[in-house]
Amino acid sequence: MVYMVFQIGSGLILTASYTPDFSSIESNLSQEVVFGKTSIPLLVTLLTATLAYFLSQKKFRISKN
């Protein structure tokens, strides 16, 4: 629990103090915005989480009976 609070707290501090460097992307600005593009790691993570959920539910049913 302490580790999770530390991770969230440090993430908030780092995000709040971050200043982006726009000089490296000035020449490469694009007006195109793409929505709905999914990546393979997201799908793999979703599949793994779903599988873990169903396996935990099956284990809970077995140990309950």
N, C-alpha and C. Protein backbone atom coordinates (compact mmCIF):
# COMPACT_ATOMS: atom_id res chain seq x y z
N MET A 1 0.82 -1.19 0.00
CA MET A 1 0.00 0.00 0.00
C MET A 1 0.86 1.26 0.00
N VAL A 2 1.92 1.23 0.79
CA VAL A 2 2.83 2.38 0.86
C VAL A 2 3.53 2.56 -0.49
N TYR A 3 3.88 1.45 -1.13
CA TYR A 3 4.54 1.51 -2.44
C TYR A 3 3.62 2.16 -3.46
N MET A 4 2.35 1.81 -3.46
CA MET A 4 1.39 2.37 -4.40
C MET A 4 1.21 3.88 -4.17
N VAL A 5 1.13 4.28 -2.92
CA VAL A 5 1.01 5.71 -2.60
C VAL A 5 2.26 6.45 -3.06
N PHE A 6 3.42 5.85 -2.86
CA PHE A 6 4.67 6.45 -3.31
C PHE A 6 4.70 6.61 -4.82
N GLN A 7 4.27 5.58 -5.55
CA GLN A 7 4.27 5.64 -7.01
C GLN A 7 3.33 6.73 -7.52
N ILE A 8 2.14 6.82 -6.96
CA ILE A 8 1.19 7.84 -7.39
C ILE A 8 1.70 9.23 -7.03
N GLY A 9 2.22 9.39 -5.83
CA GLY A 9 2.75 10.68 -5.39
C GLY A 9 3.92 11.14 -6.24
N SER A 10 4.86 10.24 -6.51
CA SER A 10 6.01 10.64 -7.33
C SER A 10 5.57 10.92 -8.76
N GLY A 11 4.59 10.19 -9.26
CA GLY A 11 4.07 10.46 -10.61
C GLY A 11 3.43 11.82 -10.70
N LEU A 12 2.67 12.19 -9.68
CA LEU A 12 2.05 13.52 -9.67
C LEU A 12 3.10 14.63 -9.62
N ILE A 13 4.11 14.45 -8.79
CA ILE A 13 5.16 15.47 -8.67
C ILE A 13 5.94 15.59 -9.98
N LEU A 14 6.32 14.45 -10.57
CA LEU A 14 7.08 14.49 -11.82
C LEU A 14 6.26 15.08 -12.96
N THR A 15 4.98 14.76 -13.02
CA THR A 15 4.12 15.30 -14.07
C THR A 15 3.94 16.80 -13.90
N ALA A 16 3.75 17.25 -12.67
CA ALA A 16 3.55 18.67 -12.42
C ALA A 16 4.81 19.49 -12.71
N SER A 17 5.97 18.90 -12.51
CA SER A 17 7.21 19.66 -12.71
C SER A 17 7.81 19.48 -14.10
N TYR A 18 7.19 18.70 -14.97
CA TYR A 18 7.73 18.45 -16.31
C TYR A 18 7.47 19.63 -17.23
N THR A 19 8.51 20.06 -17.93
CA THR A 19 8.39 21.12 -18.93
C THR A 19 8.82 20.53 -20.28
N PRO A 20 7.89 20.40 -21.22
CA PRO A 20 8.24 19.80 -22.50
C PRO A 20 9.17 20.69 -23.32
N ASP A 21 10.01 20.06 -24.13
CA ASP A 21 10.94 20.78 -25.00
C ASP A 21 10.35 20.82 -26.40
N PHE A 22 9.74 21.95 -26.76
CA PHE A 22 9.09 22.08 -28.06
C PHE A 22 10.07 22.39 -29.19
N SER A 23 11.29 22.73 -28.88
CA SER A 23 12.25 23.09 -29.93
C SER A 23 12.59 21.89 -30.82
N SER A 24 12.53 20.68 -30.28
CA SER A 24 12.88 19.50 -31.07
C SER A 24 11.76 19.07 -32.01
N ILE A 25 10.52 19.55 -31.80
CA ILE A 25 9.41 19.12 -32.65
C ILE A 25 8.81 20.26 -33.47
N GLU A 26 9.42 21.44 -33.44
CA GLU A 26 8.85 22.59 -34.17
C GLU A 26 8.75 22.33 -35.66
N SER A 27 9.74 21.69 -36.24
CA SER A 27 9.75 21.48 -37.68
C SER A 27 8.89 20.30 -38.09
N ASN A 28 8.42 19.52 -37.16
CA ASN A 28 7.70 18.29 -37.49
C ASN A 28 6.27 18.32 -36.96
N LEU A 29 5.61 19.48 -37.02
CA LEU A 29 4.25 19.59 -36.52
C LEU A 29 3.26 19.08 -37.56
N SER A 30 2.31 18.28 -37.11
CA SER A 30 1.30 17.73 -38.01
C SER A 30 -0.08 18.13 -37.51
N GLN A 31 -0.98 18.41 -38.43
CA GLN A 31 -2.34 18.80 -38.07
C GLN A 31 -3.28 17.60 -38.06
N GLU A 32 -2.77 16.42 -38.36
CA GLU A 32 -3.60 15.22 -38.44
C GLU A 32 -3.75 14.57 -37.06
N VAL A 33 -4.98 14.24 -36.72
CA VAL A 33 -5.27 13.58 -35.45
C VAL A 33 -5.91 12.24 -35.77
N VAL A 34 -5.43 11.17 -35.13
CA VAL A 34 -5.94 9.82 -35.39
C VAL A 34 -6.62 9.32 -34.14
N PHE A 35 -7.88 8.88 -34.28
CA PHE A 35 -8.63 8.32 -33.17
C PHE A 35 -8.94 6.86 -33.44
N GLY A 36 -9.03 6.07 -32.41
CA GLY A 36 -9.46 4.68 -32.55
C GLY A 36 -8.37 3.70 -32.91
N LYS A 37 -7.14 4.12 -32.91
CA LYS A 37 -6.05 3.20 -33.24
C LYS A 37 -5.65 2.44 -31.97
N THR A 38 -5.81 1.12 -31.99
CA THR A 38 -5.43 0.32 -30.83
C THR A 38 -4.11 -0.37 -31.10
N SER A 39 -3.36 -0.57 -30.06
CA SER A 39 -2.06 -1.23 -30.21
C SER A 39 -2.15 -2.66 -29.71
N ILE A 40 -1.24 -3.48 -30.16
CA ILE A 40 -1.20 -4.89 -29.77
C ILE A 40 -0.95 -5.05 -28.27
N PRO A 41 -0.02 -4.29 -27.64
CA PRO A 41 0.17 -4.47 -26.20
C PRO A 41 -1.09 -4.21 -25.40
N LEU A 42 -1.91 -3.27 -25.82
CA LEU A 42 -3.17 -3.01 -25.11
C LEU A 42 -4.09 -4.22 -25.21
N LEU A 43 -4.18 -4.81 -26.38
CA LEU A 43 -5.04 -5.98 -26.56
C LEU A 43 -4.53 -7.18 -25.76
N VAL A 44 -3.21 -7.36 -25.72
CA VAL A 44 -2.63 -8.46 -24.95
C VAL A 44 -2.89 -8.26 -23.47
N THR A 45 -2.75 -7.04 -22.99
CA THR A 45 -3.02 -6.73 -21.59
C THR A 45 -4.48 -6.98 -21.24
N LEU A 46 -5.37 -6.56 -22.11
CA LEU A 46 -6.80 -6.77 -21.90
C LEU A 46 -7.13 -8.26 -21.86
N LEU A 47 -6.56 -9.02 -22.78
CA LEU A 47 -6.79 -10.47 -22.82
C LEU A 47 -6.25 -11.14 -21.56
N THR A 48 -5.07 -10.75 -21.13
CA THR A 48 -4.46 -11.33 -19.93
C THR A 48 -5.28 -11.01 -18.69
N ALA A 49 -5.76 -9.77 -18.57
CA ALA A 49 -6.57 -9.39 -17.42
C ALA A 49 -7.89 -10.15 -17.41
N THR A 50 -8.50 -10.34 -18.57
CA THR A 50 -9.75 -11.10 -18.66
C THR A 50 -9.53 -12.55 -18.26
N LEU A 51 -8.47 -13.14 -18.76
CA LEU A 51 -8.15 -14.52 -18.42
C LEU A 51 -7.89 -14.67 -16.91
N ALA A 52 -7.15 -13.73 -16.33
CA ALA A 52 -6.88 -13.78 -14.89
C ALA A 52 -8.16 -13.65 -14.08
N TYR A 53 -9.07 -12.81 -14.53
CA TYR A 53 -10.34 -12.64 -13.82
C TYR A 53 -11.14 -13.95 -13.82
N PHE A 54 -11.28 -14.55 -15.00
CA PHE A 54 -12.07 -15.78 -15.07
C PHE A 54 -11.41 -16.93 -14.32
N LEU A 55 -10.08 -17.02 -14.36
CA LEU A 55 -9.41 -18.07 -13.61
C LEU A 55 -9.58 -17.87 -12.10
N SER A 56 -9.53 -16.63 -11.64
CA SER A 56 -9.72 -16.38 -10.21
C SER A 56 -11.15 -16.70 -9.78
N GLN A 57 -12.12 -16.43 -10.64
CA GLN A 57 -13.51 -16.76 -10.31
C GLN A 57 -13.70 -18.27 -10.25
N LYS A 58 -13.05 -18.99 -11.15
CA LYS A 58 -13.16 -20.45 -11.16
C LYS A 58 -12.51 -21.03 -9.90
N LYS A 59 -11.36 -20.52 -9.51
CA LYS A 59 -10.67 -20.99 -8.31
C LYS A 59 -11.51 -20.69 -7.07
N PHE A 60 -12.15 -19.53 -7.04
CA PHE A 60 -12.98 -19.16 -5.89
C PHE A 60 -14.16 -20.10 -5.77
N ARG A 61 -14.76 -20.50 -6.87
CA ARG A 61 -15.90 -21.41 -6.83
C ARG A 61 -15.48 -22.79 -6.33
N ILE A 62 -14.31 -23.24 -6.76
CA ILE A 62 -13.82 -24.57 -6.35
C ILE A 62 -13.53 -24.57 -4.85
N SER A 63 -12.87 -23.52 -4.35
CA SER A 63 -12.53 -23.51 -2.93
C SER A 63 -13.74 -23.23 -2.05
N LYS A 64 -14.79 -22.65 -2.61
CA LYS A 64 -15.99 -22.37 -1.82
C LYS A 64 -16.81 -23.65 -1.60
N ASN A 65 -16.82 -24.53 -2.59
CA ASN A 65 -17.61 -25.78 -2.46
C ASN A 65 -16.94 -26.81 -1.60
